[in-house]
Each structure stands twice: as C-alpha cells, then as structure tokens.
Amino acid sequence: MTLRNLQRAWDRLSIYLPVILMGLMALGTYWLVRTTPSLGAVAADAPPTHEPDYFMRRFSVKSFDPAGRLKSEIQGQEARHYPDTDTLEIDQPRIRSYNERGVLTVATARRAVSNADGSQVQLIGDAVVTREGADAQGRPLPALEIRGEFLHAYLDVERVRSQQPVQLRRGGDAFSADSLDYDNLDRLLQMQGRVRGTLQARNPPPPAAPRP
C-alpha cells in the first residue's frame, strides 16, 4: 500500500473514530452497571433499644398547672431515660403531687419507674405513699400512709394499687393485706388476701347537759 493510500485509509478511519470511542464507553458503562453489587433498599431506622439515652443526677423536675401552681415535683439521686418505653427510672425518688384542691401526696422508695408525664409511678423497695387528710368541710384529718415493697401510684386519679403485701395506717387505725386497691376520689378501699386490722377506739361524745 502506497503512502497516499495509507493516508486516505487513515482519513476515513478518523471520521468514524469518535463513534467507535463512544460505543466503547457505552459498553464499559453497561458492564460496570451489571457487575457492581446492588446496595439494596435503604435500611429502615432501627427500633430503639432498652438503653438509656440520657442521665440526670441529683435532680429536681417540677411541673405546673395552667394557672402556674405547682402540680408535682420529682427528686432523685439519679434518673435514666429509656426511649423504647419512654419511661424514667429513678434511684432514691421523692415525689410530691398536689391535686386540684391542693392536697399533698408524697411518695418515696428505693427505686421508681415513671411514665413520660409522671402521672403513673411504680415504687419499688421500701415504698411509702403518704397523703394528707381532710374531711368534706376541709378540716384536717390524720394522714393516710400506705407501705409495701411495691406500690403503683396513679397520681392524676389519686389511686394506689399493689398485688404484694401492704400495710395501711391512718391515725391509730392499722390494716395489712396481701393486695390493695385504694381509690381516694371514690373513697373506696379494697384489700384482699389475709386482711388484718386494728381500730382505735373512738372517744364517745360528751353527754348532753341536763335541762334545768
């Protein structure tokens, strides 16, 4: 092949060279797509585990009603929040709660588990719930005290429950039972199992003065 013929062949090849290169690049891209492993669907967010997401130490948390009055206060040595149950586990808790009439309830224990808004508290170990007493006219009465190794306090509805042995005391009256359900709003006390009680004798009213 003469030099002139070679030059002509090269000129013709150079016309198709870009098309050939584009074809090779397309084939290479297709090969990469076929051989690259698929990443698959984006993994869904993992559900929260029962691991604390924050701590509080030697804390005090207060909540107020719309009028600005103190509704409740929770104190403790340490608290751990668990996101999977949205609960707060508290060491050495002391809880103060006021109802709409301003009557105070105090709860203490070695450990407590509270729900998110503090309306329910499970008291565990040396649990004590003490409530101020008052009659229908607002006159003070002996405080009510409930003790047990486990007490479930429903602070908003003024109720205390337990399926474990409890002791209840008001003034000189004392009771014990294997379980308890106390509803302060309805003035209803249910005690089951081996129920024992001691009632203090009431002083009789003074005799009426004789008529002249």
N, C-alpha and C. Protein backbone atom coordinates (compact mmCIF):
# COMPACT_ATOMS: atom_id res chain seq x y z
N MET A 1 0.87 -1.19 0.00
CA MET A 1 0.00 0.00 0.00
C MET A 1 0.90 1.24 0.00
N THR A 2 0.57 2.12 -0.93
CA THR A 2 1.40 3.33 -1.04
C THR A 2 1.08 4.26 0.11
N LEU A 3 1.94 5.22 0.29
CA LEU A 3 1.75 6.20 1.36
C LEU A 3 0.47 6.97 1.17
N ARG A 4 0.13 7.25 -0.11
CA ARG A 4 -1.10 8.01 -0.36
C ARG A 4 -2.34 7.19 0.04
N ASN A 5 -2.30 5.90 -0.33
CA ASN A 5 -3.45 5.06 0.04
C ASN A 5 -3.59 4.92 1.57
N LEU A 6 -2.43 4.83 2.24
CA LEU A 6 -2.46 4.73 3.69
C LEU A 6 -3.03 5.99 4.32
N GLN A 7 -2.67 7.14 3.73
CA GLN A 7 -3.18 8.40 4.25
C GLN A 7 -4.69 8.48 4.08
N ARG A 8 -5.19 8.02 2.93
CA ARG A 8 -6.63 8.04 2.68
C ARG A 8 -7.37 7.11 3.67
N ALA A 9 -6.79 5.92 3.93
CA ALA A 9 -7.43 4.99 4.85
C ALA A 9 -7.49 5.58 6.26
N TRP A 10 -6.41 6.27 6.65
CA TRP A 10 -6.40 6.91 7.98
C TRP A 10 -7.42 8.02 8.08
N ASP A 11 -7.55 8.80 6.98
CA ASP A 11 -8.55 9.88 6.99
C ASP A 11 -9.96 9.31 7.14
N ARG A 12 -10.26 8.20 6.48
CA ARG A 12 -11.59 7.61 6.61
C ARG A 12 -11.82 7.05 8.02
N LEU A 13 -10.76 6.44 8.58
CA LEU A 13 -10.90 5.88 9.94
C LEU A 13 -11.12 6.99 10.97
N SER A 14 -10.45 8.13 10.77
CA SER A 14 -10.58 9.22 11.74
C SER A 14 -11.99 9.78 11.76
N ILE A 15 -12.73 9.62 10.65
CA ILE A 15 -14.12 10.11 10.63
C ILE A 15 -14.98 9.29 11.60
N TYR A 16 -14.76 7.97 11.67
CA TYR A 16 -15.58 7.08 12.50
C TYR A 16 -15.00 6.88 13.90
N LEU A 17 -13.81 7.43 14.14
CA LEU A 17 -13.17 7.19 15.44
C LEU A 17 -14.01 7.68 16.63
N PRO A 18 -14.61 8.90 16.62
CA PRO A 18 -15.44 9.32 17.76
C PRO A 18 -16.61 8.38 18.01
N VAL A 19 -17.24 7.88 16.91
CA VAL A 19 -18.37 6.96 17.08
C VAL A 19 -17.91 5.68 17.74
N ILE A 20 -16.74 5.18 17.31
CA ILE A 20 -16.20 3.95 17.88
C ILE A 20 -15.88 4.13 19.37
N LEU A 21 -15.28 5.30 19.72
CA LEU A 21 -14.94 5.55 21.13
C LEU A 21 -16.19 5.65 22.00
N MET A 22 -17.23 6.33 21.47
CA MET A 22 -18.48 6.44 22.23
C MET A 22 -19.11 5.07 22.45
N GLY A 23 -19.03 4.23 21.46
CA GLY A 23 -19.57 2.88 21.62
C GLY A 23 -18.83 2.09 22.67
N LEU A 24 -17.48 2.23 22.67
CA LEU A 24 -16.70 1.52 23.69
C LEU A 24 -17.02 2.03 25.09
N MET A 25 -17.22 3.35 25.24
CA MET A 25 -17.55 3.91 26.55
C MET A 25 -18.93 3.42 27.02
N ALA A 26 -19.88 3.34 26.09
CA ALA A 26 -21.21 2.84 26.44
C ALA A 26 -21.14 1.39 26.89
N LEU A 27 -20.36 0.58 26.19
CA LEU A 27 -20.21 -0.81 26.59
C LEU A 27 -19.56 -0.92 27.96
N GLY A 28 -18.56 -0.07 28.21
CA GLY A 28 -17.91 -0.09 29.52
C GLY A 28 -18.85 0.30 30.64
N THR A 29 -19.68 1.32 30.40
CA THR A 29 -20.65 1.75 31.42
C THR A 29 -21.66 0.64 31.71
N TYR A 30 -22.14 -0.02 30.66
CA TYR A 30 -23.10 -1.11 30.82
C TYR A 30 -22.49 -2.24 31.62
N TRP A 31 -21.21 -2.53 31.36
CA TRP A 31 -20.53 -3.61 32.08
C TRP A 31 -20.39 -3.27 33.56
N LEU A 32 -20.07 -1.98 33.87
CA LEU A 32 -19.95 -1.57 35.26
C LEU A 32 -21.28 -1.69 36.00
N VAL A 33 -22.37 -1.29 35.33
CA VAL A 33 -23.68 -1.38 35.97
C VAL A 33 -24.03 -2.83 36.27
N ARG A 34 -23.71 -3.75 35.33
CA ARG A 34 -24.07 -5.15 35.53
C ARG A 34 -23.24 -5.81 36.60
N THR A 35 -21.99 -5.40 36.73
CA THR A 35 -21.09 -6.08 37.65
C THR A 35 -21.02 -5.44 39.04
N THR A 36 -21.48 -4.18 39.20
CA THR A 36 -21.44 -3.54 40.51
C THR A 36 -22.53 -4.11 41.40
N PRO A 37 -22.22 -4.58 42.63
CA PRO A 37 -23.25 -5.15 43.51
C PRO A 37 -24.26 -4.08 43.91
N SER A 38 -25.53 -4.50 43.99
CA SER A 38 -26.61 -3.59 44.35
C SER A 38 -26.54 -3.25 45.82
N LEU A 39 -26.80 -1.97 46.14
CA LEU A 39 -26.81 -1.55 47.53
C LEU A 39 -28.09 -1.95 48.24
N GLY A 40 -29.12 -2.30 47.46
CA GLY A 40 -30.39 -2.71 48.06
C GLY A 40 -31.15 -1.53 48.61
N ALA A 41 -32.30 -1.83 49.21
CA ALA A 41 -33.14 -0.77 49.76
C ALA A 41 -32.47 -0.18 50.99
N VAL A 42 -32.75 1.09 51.20
CA VAL A 42 -32.20 1.76 52.38
C VAL A 42 -32.77 1.12 53.64
N ALA A 43 -31.89 0.74 54.51
CA ALA A 43 -32.35 0.07 55.73
C ALA A 43 -33.24 1.00 56.55
N ALA A 44 -34.30 0.43 57.07
CA ALA A 44 -35.20 1.22 57.92
C ALA A 44 -34.51 1.56 59.23
N ASP A 45 -34.96 2.64 59.83
CA ASP A 45 -34.40 3.04 61.12
C ASP A 45 -34.57 1.90 62.13
N ALA A 46 -33.49 1.59 62.81
CA ALA A 46 -33.54 0.52 63.81
C ALA A 46 -34.43 0.93 64.97
N PRO A 47 -35.25 0.02 65.48
CA PRO A 47 -36.10 0.38 66.62
C PRO A 47 -35.24 0.70 67.84
N PRO A 48 -35.72 1.61 68.70
CA PRO A 48 -34.92 1.96 69.88
C PRO A 48 -34.75 0.75 70.80
N THR A 49 -33.59 0.64 71.38
CA THR A 49 -33.29 -0.44 72.31
C THR A 49 -33.46 0.05 73.74
N HIS A 50 -33.51 -0.90 74.66
CA HIS A 50 -33.68 -0.54 76.08
C HIS A 50 -32.33 -0.13 76.66
N GLU A 51 -31.82 0.96 76.12
CA GLU A 51 -30.58 1.55 76.61
C GLU A 51 -30.86 3.02 76.90
N PRO A 52 -30.42 3.54 78.05
CA PRO A 52 -30.72 4.94 78.38
C PRO A 52 -30.08 5.90 77.40
N ASP A 53 -30.86 6.93 77.02
CA ASP A 53 -30.32 7.93 76.09
C ASP A 53 -29.91 9.22 76.80
N TYR A 54 -30.27 9.37 78.08
CA TYR A 54 -29.72 10.47 78.86
C TYR A 54 -29.85 10.16 80.35
N PHE A 55 -29.03 10.86 81.15
CA PHE A 55 -28.98 10.67 82.59
C PHE A 55 -29.23 12.01 83.29
N MET A 56 -29.72 11.94 84.51
CA MET A 56 -29.78 13.11 85.39
C MET A 56 -29.31 12.66 86.77
N ARG A 57 -28.55 13.50 87.43
CA ARG A 57 -28.04 13.17 88.76
C ARG A 57 -28.38 14.30 89.73
N ARG A 58 -28.86 13.90 90.92
CA ARG A 58 -29.24 14.84 91.97
C ARG A 58 -30.11 15.94 91.37
N PHE A 59 -31.21 15.54 90.86
CA PHE A 59 -32.06 16.43 90.06
C PHE A 59 -33.37 16.72 90.77
N SER A 60 -34.07 17.71 90.26
CA SER A 60 -35.41 18.06 90.69
C SER A 60 -36.16 18.57 89.46
N VAL A 61 -37.28 17.92 89.15
CA VAL A 61 -38.10 18.30 88.00
C VAL A 61 -39.48 18.69 88.50
N LYS A 62 -39.93 19.89 88.16
CA LYS A 62 -41.21 20.40 88.61
C LYS A 62 -42.15 20.59 87.41
N SER A 63 -43.43 20.38 87.64
CA SER A 63 -44.44 20.67 86.62
C SER A 63 -45.52 21.54 87.25
N PHE A 64 -46.13 22.41 86.44
CA PHE A 64 -47.10 23.38 86.92
C PHE A 64 -48.38 23.27 86.10
N ASP A 65 -49.49 23.64 86.73
CA ASP A 65 -50.76 23.63 86.02
C ASP A 65 -50.90 24.92 85.20
N PRO A 66 -51.94 25.05 84.37
CA PRO A 66 -52.07 26.26 83.54
C PRO A 66 -52.12 27.56 84.34
N ALA A 67 -52.54 27.49 85.60
CA ALA A 67 -52.59 28.69 86.43
C ALA A 67 -51.25 29.02 87.07
N GLY A 68 -50.23 28.20 86.83
CA GLY A 68 -48.91 28.46 87.39
C GLY A 68 -48.67 27.87 88.75
N ARG A 69 -49.62 27.08 89.26
CA ARG A 69 -49.44 26.45 90.57
C ARG A 69 -48.65 25.16 90.43
N LEU A 70 -47.84 24.86 91.45
CA LEU A 70 -47.05 23.64 91.43
C LEU A 70 -47.96 22.43 91.41
N LYS A 71 -47.77 21.56 90.43
CA LYS A 71 -48.58 20.35 90.32
C LYS A 71 -47.84 19.13 90.86
N SER A 72 -46.56 19.01 90.52
CA SER A 72 -45.78 17.87 91.01
C SER A 72 -44.31 18.22 90.98
N GLU A 73 -43.55 17.50 91.79
CA GLU A 73 -42.09 17.64 91.82
C GLU A 73 -41.50 16.25 92.02
N ILE A 74 -40.52 15.91 91.19
CA ILE A 74 -39.82 14.64 91.28
C ILE A 74 -38.35 14.91 91.56
N GLN A 75 -37.85 14.33 92.64
CA GLN A 75 -36.45 14.44 93.01
C GLN A 75 -35.83 13.05 93.04
N GLY A 76 -34.51 12.98 92.88
CA GLY A 76 -33.84 11.68 92.95
C GLY A 76 -32.33 11.83 92.89
N GLN A 77 -31.65 10.75 93.27
CA GLN A 77 -30.19 10.74 93.18
C GLN A 77 -29.73 10.60 91.73
N GLU A 78 -30.40 9.74 90.97
CA GLU A 78 -30.05 9.56 89.56
C GLU A 78 -31.28 9.07 88.81
N ALA A 79 -31.41 9.51 87.57
CA ALA A 79 -32.52 9.08 86.71
C ALA A 79 -31.97 8.72 85.34
N ARG A 80 -32.58 7.68 84.74
CA ARG A 80 -32.17 7.22 83.40
C ARG A 80 -33.43 7.14 82.54
N HIS A 81 -33.35 7.75 81.35
CA HIS A 81 -34.50 7.73 80.44
C HIS A 81 -34.29 6.65 79.39
N TYR A 82 -35.34 5.82 79.17
CA TYR A 82 -35.29 4.74 78.19
C TYR A 82 -36.23 5.09 77.03
N PRO A 83 -35.68 5.29 75.83
CA PRO A 83 -36.51 5.76 74.71
C PRO A 83 -37.50 4.73 74.20
N ASP A 84 -37.21 3.42 74.35
CA ASP A 84 -38.12 2.41 73.81
C ASP A 84 -39.45 2.37 74.56
N THR A 85 -39.42 2.67 75.85
CA THR A 85 -40.65 2.68 76.65
C THR A 85 -41.04 4.09 77.08
N ASP A 86 -40.20 5.07 76.79
CA ASP A 86 -40.42 6.47 77.21
C ASP A 86 -40.70 6.53 78.70
N THR A 87 -39.86 5.85 79.47
CA THR A 87 -40.00 5.83 80.92
C THR A 87 -38.74 6.38 81.57
N LEU A 88 -38.89 6.79 82.81
CA LEU A 88 -37.78 7.34 83.59
C LEU A 88 -37.59 6.45 84.81
N GLU A 89 -36.40 5.88 84.95
CA GLU A 89 -36.06 5.05 86.11
C GLU A 89 -35.25 5.89 87.08
N ILE A 90 -35.71 5.95 88.34
CA ILE A 90 -35.17 6.89 89.30
C ILE A 90 -34.65 6.14 90.52
N ASP A 91 -33.45 6.50 90.97
CA ASP A 91 -32.89 5.97 92.21
C ASP A 91 -33.19 6.94 93.35
N GLN A 92 -33.62 6.38 94.50
CA GLN A 92 -33.94 7.17 95.69
C GLN A 92 -34.91 8.31 95.35
N PRO A 93 -36.07 7.97 94.80
CA PRO A 93 -37.00 9.04 94.40
C PRO A 93 -37.76 9.63 95.59
N ARG A 94 -38.15 10.87 95.43
CA ARG A 94 -39.08 11.55 96.33
C ARG A 94 -40.02 12.36 95.45
N ILE A 95 -41.29 12.02 95.49
CA ILE A 95 -42.27 12.61 94.58
C ILE A 95 -43.34 13.32 95.39
N ARG A 96 -43.60 14.56 95.05
CA ARG A 96 -44.65 15.35 95.69
C ARG A 96 -45.67 15.72 94.62
N SER A 97 -46.95 15.49 94.91
CA SER A 97 -48.01 15.76 93.94
C SER A 97 -49.19 16.42 94.64
N TYR A 98 -49.72 17.49 94.00
CA TYR A 98 -50.87 18.20 94.54
C TYR A 98 -52.07 17.99 93.62
N ASN A 99 -53.23 17.72 94.21
CA ASN A 99 -54.43 17.60 93.39
C ASN A 99 -55.05 18.99 93.21
N GLU A 100 -56.23 19.03 92.60
CA GLU A 100 -56.86 20.32 92.31
C GLU A 100 -57.25 21.08 93.57
N ARG A 101 -57.44 20.36 94.67
CA ARG A 101 -57.80 21.01 95.93
C ARG A 101 -56.58 21.38 96.75
N GLY A 102 -55.40 21.11 96.22
CA GLY A 102 -54.18 21.45 96.93
C GLY A 102 -53.74 20.43 97.95
N VAL A 103 -54.38 19.25 97.98
CA VAL A 103 -53.99 18.20 98.93
C VAL A 103 -52.71 17.53 98.44
N LEU A 104 -51.78 17.34 99.35
CA LEU A 104 -50.45 16.84 99.01
C LEU A 104 -50.36 15.34 99.18
N THR A 105 -49.72 14.68 98.20
CA THR A 105 -49.34 13.26 98.28
C THR A 105 -47.83 13.17 98.11
N VAL A 106 -47.18 12.43 99.00
CA VAL A 106 -45.73 12.24 98.95
C VAL A 106 -45.44 10.76 98.78
N ALA A 107 -44.56 10.42 97.83
CA ALA A 107 -44.19 9.03 97.57
C ALA A 107 -42.67 8.91 97.59
N THR A 108 -42.18 7.86 98.27
CA THR A 108 -40.74 7.59 98.31
C THR A 108 -40.52 6.08 98.14
N ALA A 109 -39.31 5.71 97.74
CA ALA A 109 -38.94 4.30 97.57
C ALA A 109 -37.44 4.24 97.30
N ARG A 110 -36.91 3.02 97.21
CA ARG A 110 -35.52 2.88 96.79
C ARG A 110 -35.36 3.14 95.30
N ARG A 111 -36.41 2.76 94.54
CA ARG A 111 -36.35 2.95 93.09
C ARG A 111 -37.76 3.18 92.56
N ALA A 112 -37.87 3.91 91.48
CA ALA A 112 -39.17 4.19 90.88
C ALA A 112 -39.05 4.17 89.37
N VAL A 113 -40.16 3.82 88.71
CA VAL A 113 -40.27 3.88 87.26
C VAL A 113 -41.49 4.74 86.94
N SER A 114 -41.24 5.86 86.25
CA SER A 114 -42.31 6.80 85.95
C SER A 114 -42.57 6.83 84.45
N ASN A 115 -43.84 7.04 84.07
CA ASN A 115 -44.14 7.22 82.65
C ASN A 115 -43.76 8.63 82.23
N ALA A 116 -44.02 8.97 80.96
CA ALA A 116 -43.49 10.20 80.38
C ALA A 116 -43.98 11.45 81.10
N ASP A 117 -45.26 11.50 81.46
CA ASP A 117 -45.80 12.72 82.07
C ASP A 117 -45.85 12.66 83.59
N GLY A 118 -45.34 11.58 84.20
CA GLY A 118 -45.31 11.48 85.65
C GLY A 118 -46.64 11.19 86.29
N SER A 119 -47.65 10.82 85.51
CA SER A 119 -48.96 10.53 86.07
C SER A 119 -49.03 9.15 86.72
N GLN A 120 -48.13 8.25 86.32
CA GLN A 120 -48.07 6.92 86.91
C GLN A 120 -46.64 6.64 87.38
N VAL A 121 -46.52 6.16 88.60
CA VAL A 121 -45.20 5.86 89.16
C VAL A 121 -45.25 4.51 89.84
N GLN A 122 -44.33 3.61 89.46
CA GLN A 122 -44.19 2.34 90.13
C GLN A 122 -43.07 2.48 91.16
N LEU A 123 -43.41 2.29 92.42
CA LEU A 123 -42.47 2.43 93.53
C LEU A 123 -42.00 1.05 93.95
N ILE A 124 -40.68 0.86 94.00
CA ILE A 124 -40.10 -0.46 94.21
C ILE A 124 -39.10 -0.40 95.36
N GLY A 125 -39.34 -1.22 96.38
CA GLY A 125 -38.42 -1.31 97.51
C GLY A 125 -38.70 -0.25 98.56
N ASP A 126 -39.15 -0.67 99.77
CA ASP A 126 -39.45 0.27 100.87
C ASP A 126 -40.34 1.41 100.37
N ALA A 127 -41.37 1.07 99.64
CA ALA A 127 -42.25 2.09 99.05
C ALA A 127 -43.21 2.63 100.11
N VAL A 128 -43.37 3.94 100.11
CA VAL A 128 -44.28 4.61 101.05
C VAL A 128 -45.03 5.70 100.30
N VAL A 129 -46.35 5.70 100.45
CA VAL A 129 -47.19 6.79 99.91
C VAL A 129 -47.94 7.39 101.09
N THR A 130 -47.78 8.68 101.29
CA THR A 130 -48.44 9.39 102.37
C THR A 130 -49.31 10.49 101.79
N ARG A 131 -50.53 10.57 102.27
CA ARG A 131 -51.46 11.56 101.76
C ARG A 131 -52.08 12.33 102.90
N GLU A 132 -52.11 13.66 102.75
CA GLU A 132 -52.76 14.49 103.75
C GLU A 132 -54.25 14.15 103.80
N GLY A 133 -54.84 14.33 104.96
CA GLY A 133 -56.25 14.01 105.12
C GLY A 133 -57.08 15.26 105.39
N ALA A 134 -58.32 15.24 104.90
CA ALA A 134 -59.26 16.33 105.16
C ALA A 134 -60.66 15.80 104.96
N ASP A 135 -61.60 16.31 105.76
CA ASP A 135 -62.98 15.87 105.60
C ASP A 135 -63.67 16.72 104.54
N ALA A 136 -64.99 16.52 104.39
CA ALA A 136 -65.73 17.23 103.34
C ALA A 136 -65.72 18.73 103.55
N GLN A 137 -65.56 19.17 104.79
CA GLN A 137 -65.52 20.60 105.08
C GLN A 137 -64.10 21.17 105.05
N GLY A 138 -63.13 20.33 104.68
CA GLY A 138 -61.76 20.79 104.59
C GLY A 138 -61.00 20.78 105.89
N ARG A 139 -61.59 20.23 106.95
CA ARG A 139 -60.90 20.16 108.23
C ARG A 139 -59.86 19.04 108.19
N PRO A 140 -58.67 19.27 108.77
CA PRO A 140 -57.60 18.27 108.69
C PRO A 140 -57.94 16.99 109.42
N LEU A 141 -57.53 15.88 108.83
CA LEU A 141 -57.68 14.56 109.42
C LEU A 141 -56.30 13.89 109.46
N PRO A 142 -56.15 12.80 110.23
CA PRO A 142 -54.86 12.10 110.23
C PRO A 142 -54.47 11.68 108.81
N ALA A 143 -53.19 11.81 108.50
CA ALA A 143 -52.71 11.45 107.17
C ALA A 143 -52.83 9.95 106.94
N LEU A 144 -53.06 9.59 105.69
CA LEU A 144 -53.11 8.18 105.30
C LEU A 144 -51.73 7.76 104.82
N GLU A 145 -51.23 6.61 105.32
CA GLU A 145 -49.92 6.10 104.93
C GLU A 145 -50.06 4.67 104.44
N ILE A 146 -49.50 4.39 103.26
CA ILE A 146 -49.51 3.04 102.68
C ILE A 146 -48.07 2.62 102.46
N ARG A 147 -47.71 1.42 102.93
CA ARG A 147 -46.35 0.89 102.81
C ARG A 147 -46.37 -0.47 102.13
N GLY A 148 -45.28 -0.77 101.41
CA GLY A 148 -45.13 -2.07 100.77
C GLY A 148 -43.83 -2.12 99.98
N GLU A 149 -43.49 -3.31 99.51
CA GLU A 149 -42.31 -3.44 98.67
C GLU A 149 -42.58 -2.99 97.23
N PHE A 150 -43.88 -2.95 96.86
CA PHE A 150 -44.25 -2.45 95.54
C PHE A 150 -45.58 -1.73 95.63
N LEU A 151 -45.61 -0.50 95.16
CA LEU A 151 -46.84 0.28 95.09
C LEU A 151 -46.90 0.96 93.73
N HIS A 152 -48.07 0.91 93.11
CA HIS A 152 -48.28 1.57 91.82
C HIS A 152 -49.20 2.76 92.07
N ALA A 153 -48.65 3.97 91.96
CA ALA A 153 -49.40 5.18 92.26
C ALA A 153 -49.86 5.85 90.97
N TYR A 154 -51.17 6.11 90.89
CA TYR A 154 -51.76 6.85 89.77
C TYR A 154 -52.08 8.25 90.31
N LEU A 155 -51.16 9.17 90.10
CA LEU A 155 -51.25 10.45 90.80
C LEU A 155 -52.40 11.31 90.30
N ASP A 156 -52.67 11.31 89.01
CA ASP A 156 -53.72 12.17 88.47
C ASP A 156 -55.11 11.76 88.96
N VAL A 157 -55.33 10.45 89.12
CA VAL A 157 -56.65 9.97 89.55
C VAL A 157 -56.65 9.56 91.02
N GLU A 158 -55.56 9.86 91.74
CA GLU A 158 -55.47 9.65 93.19
C GLU A 158 -55.79 8.20 93.56
N ARG A 159 -55.01 7.29 92.99
CA ARG A 159 -55.25 5.87 93.22
C ARG A 159 -53.92 5.16 93.49
N VAL A 160 -53.95 4.15 94.36
CA VAL A 160 -52.77 3.35 94.67
C VAL A 160 -53.18 1.88 94.59
N ARG A 161 -52.37 1.08 93.88
CA ARG A 161 -52.64 -0.34 93.76
C ARG A 161 -51.37 -1.14 94.08
N SER A 162 -51.58 -2.38 94.51
CA SER A 162 -50.46 -3.29 94.72
C SER A 162 -50.98 -4.72 94.76
N GLN A 163 -50.25 -5.63 94.15
CA GLN A 163 -50.54 -7.05 94.23
C GLN A 163 -49.59 -7.76 95.19
N GLN A 164 -48.90 -6.98 96.00
CA GLN A 164 -48.00 -7.52 97.00
C GLN A 164 -48.45 -7.06 98.39
N PRO A 165 -47.96 -7.71 99.45
CA PRO A 165 -48.39 -7.35 100.81
C PRO A 165 -48.17 -5.87 101.11
N VAL A 166 -49.14 -5.29 101.79
CA VAL A 166 -49.11 -3.86 102.10
C VAL A 166 -49.57 -3.65 103.55
N GLN A 167 -49.20 -2.49 104.07
CA GLN A 167 -49.70 -2.04 105.37
C GLN A 167 -50.29 -0.64 105.17
N LEU A 168 -51.41 -0.40 105.81
CA LEU A 168 -52.10 0.89 105.71
C LEU A 168 -52.36 1.41 107.11
N ARG A 169 -52.10 2.70 107.29
CA ARG A 169 -52.29 3.30 108.61
C ARG A 169 -52.91 4.68 108.45
N ARG A 170 -53.87 4.97 109.29
CA ARG A 170 -54.45 6.31 109.40
C ARG A 170 -54.75 6.56 110.87
N GLY A 171 -54.03 7.50 111.45
CA GLY A 171 -54.17 7.75 112.88
C GLY A 171 -53.81 6.50 113.66
N GLY A 172 -54.69 6.05 114.55
CA GLY A 172 -54.46 4.84 115.31
C GLY A 172 -54.98 3.59 114.65
N ASP A 173 -55.61 3.68 113.48
CA ASP A 173 -56.11 2.52 112.75
C ASP A 173 -55.02 1.96 111.85
N ALA A 174 -54.89 0.64 111.82
CA ALA A 174 -53.86 -0.01 111.01
C ALA A 174 -54.44 -1.27 110.38
N PHE A 175 -54.06 -1.51 109.12
CA PHE A 175 -54.51 -2.69 108.39
C PHE A 175 -53.33 -3.27 107.62
N SER A 176 -53.42 -4.58 107.34
CA SER A 176 -52.46 -5.24 106.45
C SER A 176 -53.23 -6.21 105.57
N ALA A 177 -52.71 -6.47 104.38
CA ALA A 177 -53.38 -7.35 103.43
C ALA A 177 -52.37 -7.82 102.39
N ASP A 178 -52.79 -8.81 101.59
CA ASP A 178 -51.92 -9.34 100.53
C ASP A 178 -51.98 -8.50 99.25
N SER A 179 -53.01 -7.69 99.09
CA SER A 179 -53.12 -6.80 97.94
C SER A 179 -54.02 -5.64 98.31
N LEU A 180 -53.94 -4.58 97.51
CA LEU A 180 -54.68 -3.36 97.85
C LEU A 180 -55.06 -2.61 96.59
N ASP A 181 -56.23 -1.98 96.63
CA ASP A 181 -56.68 -1.06 95.59
C ASP A 181 -57.39 0.07 96.31
N TYR A 182 -56.73 1.25 96.36
CA TYR A 182 -57.28 2.38 97.09
C TYR A 182 -57.61 3.49 96.11
N ASP A 183 -58.88 3.90 96.07
CA ASP A 183 -59.36 4.97 95.20
C ASP A 183 -59.80 6.12 96.09
N ASN A 184 -58.99 7.18 96.13
CA ASN A 184 -59.29 8.29 97.03
C ASN A 184 -60.48 9.12 96.55
N LEU A 185 -60.64 9.26 95.23
CA LEU A 185 -61.74 10.08 94.71
C LEU A 185 -63.09 9.48 95.06
N ASP A 186 -63.20 8.14 94.95
CA ASP A 186 -64.45 7.47 95.28
C ASP A 186 -64.52 7.02 96.73
N ARG A 187 -63.44 7.30 97.51
CA ARG A 187 -63.38 6.87 98.90
C ARG A 187 -63.63 5.36 99.02
N LEU A 188 -62.94 4.60 98.18
CA LEU A 188 -63.13 3.16 98.13
C LEU A 188 -61.80 2.46 98.40
N LEU A 189 -61.80 1.56 99.37
CA LEU A 189 -60.62 0.78 99.72
C LEU A 189 -60.95 -0.70 99.61
N GLN A 190 -60.19 -1.42 98.78
CA GLN A 190 -60.34 -2.86 98.64
C GLN A 190 -59.04 -3.52 99.06
N MET A 191 -59.14 -4.44 100.01
CA MET A 191 -57.98 -5.21 100.48
C MET A 191 -58.34 -6.68 100.39
N GLN A 192 -57.43 -7.48 99.86
CA GLN A 192 -57.70 -8.89 99.64
C GLN A 192 -56.60 -9.75 100.25
N GLY A 193 -56.90 -11.06 100.35
CA GLY A 193 -55.94 -11.99 100.94
C GLY A 193 -56.10 -12.04 102.44
N ARG A 194 -54.99 -12.15 103.14
CA ARG A 194 -55.02 -12.20 104.60
C ARG A 194 -55.12 -10.77 105.14
N VAL A 195 -56.32 -10.34 105.38
CA VAL A 195 -56.58 -8.98 105.84
C VAL A 195 -56.67 -8.96 107.36
N ARG A 196 -55.90 -8.08 107.96
CA ARG A 196 -55.95 -7.91 109.41
C ARG A 196 -56.04 -6.42 109.71
N GLY A 197 -56.73 -6.09 110.78
CA GLY A 197 -56.90 -4.69 111.11
C GLY A 197 -57.01 -4.44 112.58
N THR A 198 -56.60 -3.25 112.95
CA THR A 198 -56.71 -2.78 114.33
C THR A 198 -57.35 -1.40 114.29
N LEU A 199 -58.48 -1.25 114.97
CA LEU A 199 -59.20 0.01 115.01
C LEU A 199 -59.06 0.63 116.38
N GLN A 200 -58.70 1.88 116.39
CA GLN A 200 -58.57 2.59 117.65
C GLN A 200 -59.95 2.99 118.14
N ALA A 201 -60.20 2.79 119.42
CA ALA A 201 -61.48 3.16 120.00
C ALA A 201 -61.68 4.66 119.93
N ARG A 202 -62.87 5.05 119.53
CA ARG A 202 -63.20 6.47 119.46
C ARG A 202 -63.79 6.92 120.80
N ASN A 203 -63.37 8.09 121.21
CA ASN A 203 -63.92 8.63 122.45
C ASN A 203 -65.39 8.98 122.23
N PRO A 204 -66.28 8.52 123.10
CA PRO A 204 -67.70 8.84 122.92
C PRO A 204 -67.93 10.33 123.11
N PRO A 205 -68.92 10.86 122.45
CA PRO A 205 -69.21 12.30 122.64
C PRO A 205 -69.64 12.57 124.07
N PRO A 206 -69.36 13.75 124.60
CA PRO A 206 -69.74 14.07 125.99
C PRO A 206 -71.26 14.06 126.12
N PRO A 207 -71.76 13.63 127.28
CA PRO A 207 -73.21 13.59 127.48
C PRO A 207 -73.80 15.00 127.43
N ALA A 208 -75.04 15.03 126.99
CA ALA A 208 -75.73 16.32 126.90
C ALA A 208 -75.98 16.86 128.30
N ALA A 209 -75.88 18.15 128.39
CA ALA A 209 -76.11 18.81 129.69
C ALA A 209 -77.57 18.65 130.08
N PRO A 210 -77.84 18.35 131.34
CA PRO A 210 -79.25 18.19 131.77
C PRO A 210 -80.02 19.50 131.65
N ARG A 211 -81.26 19.36 131.33
CA ARG A 211 -82.11 20.53 131.22
C ARG A 211 -82.44 21.08 132.61
N PRO A 212 -82.50 22.35 132.70
CA PRO A 212 -82.84 22.92 134.03
C PRO A 212 -84.28 22.61 134.39
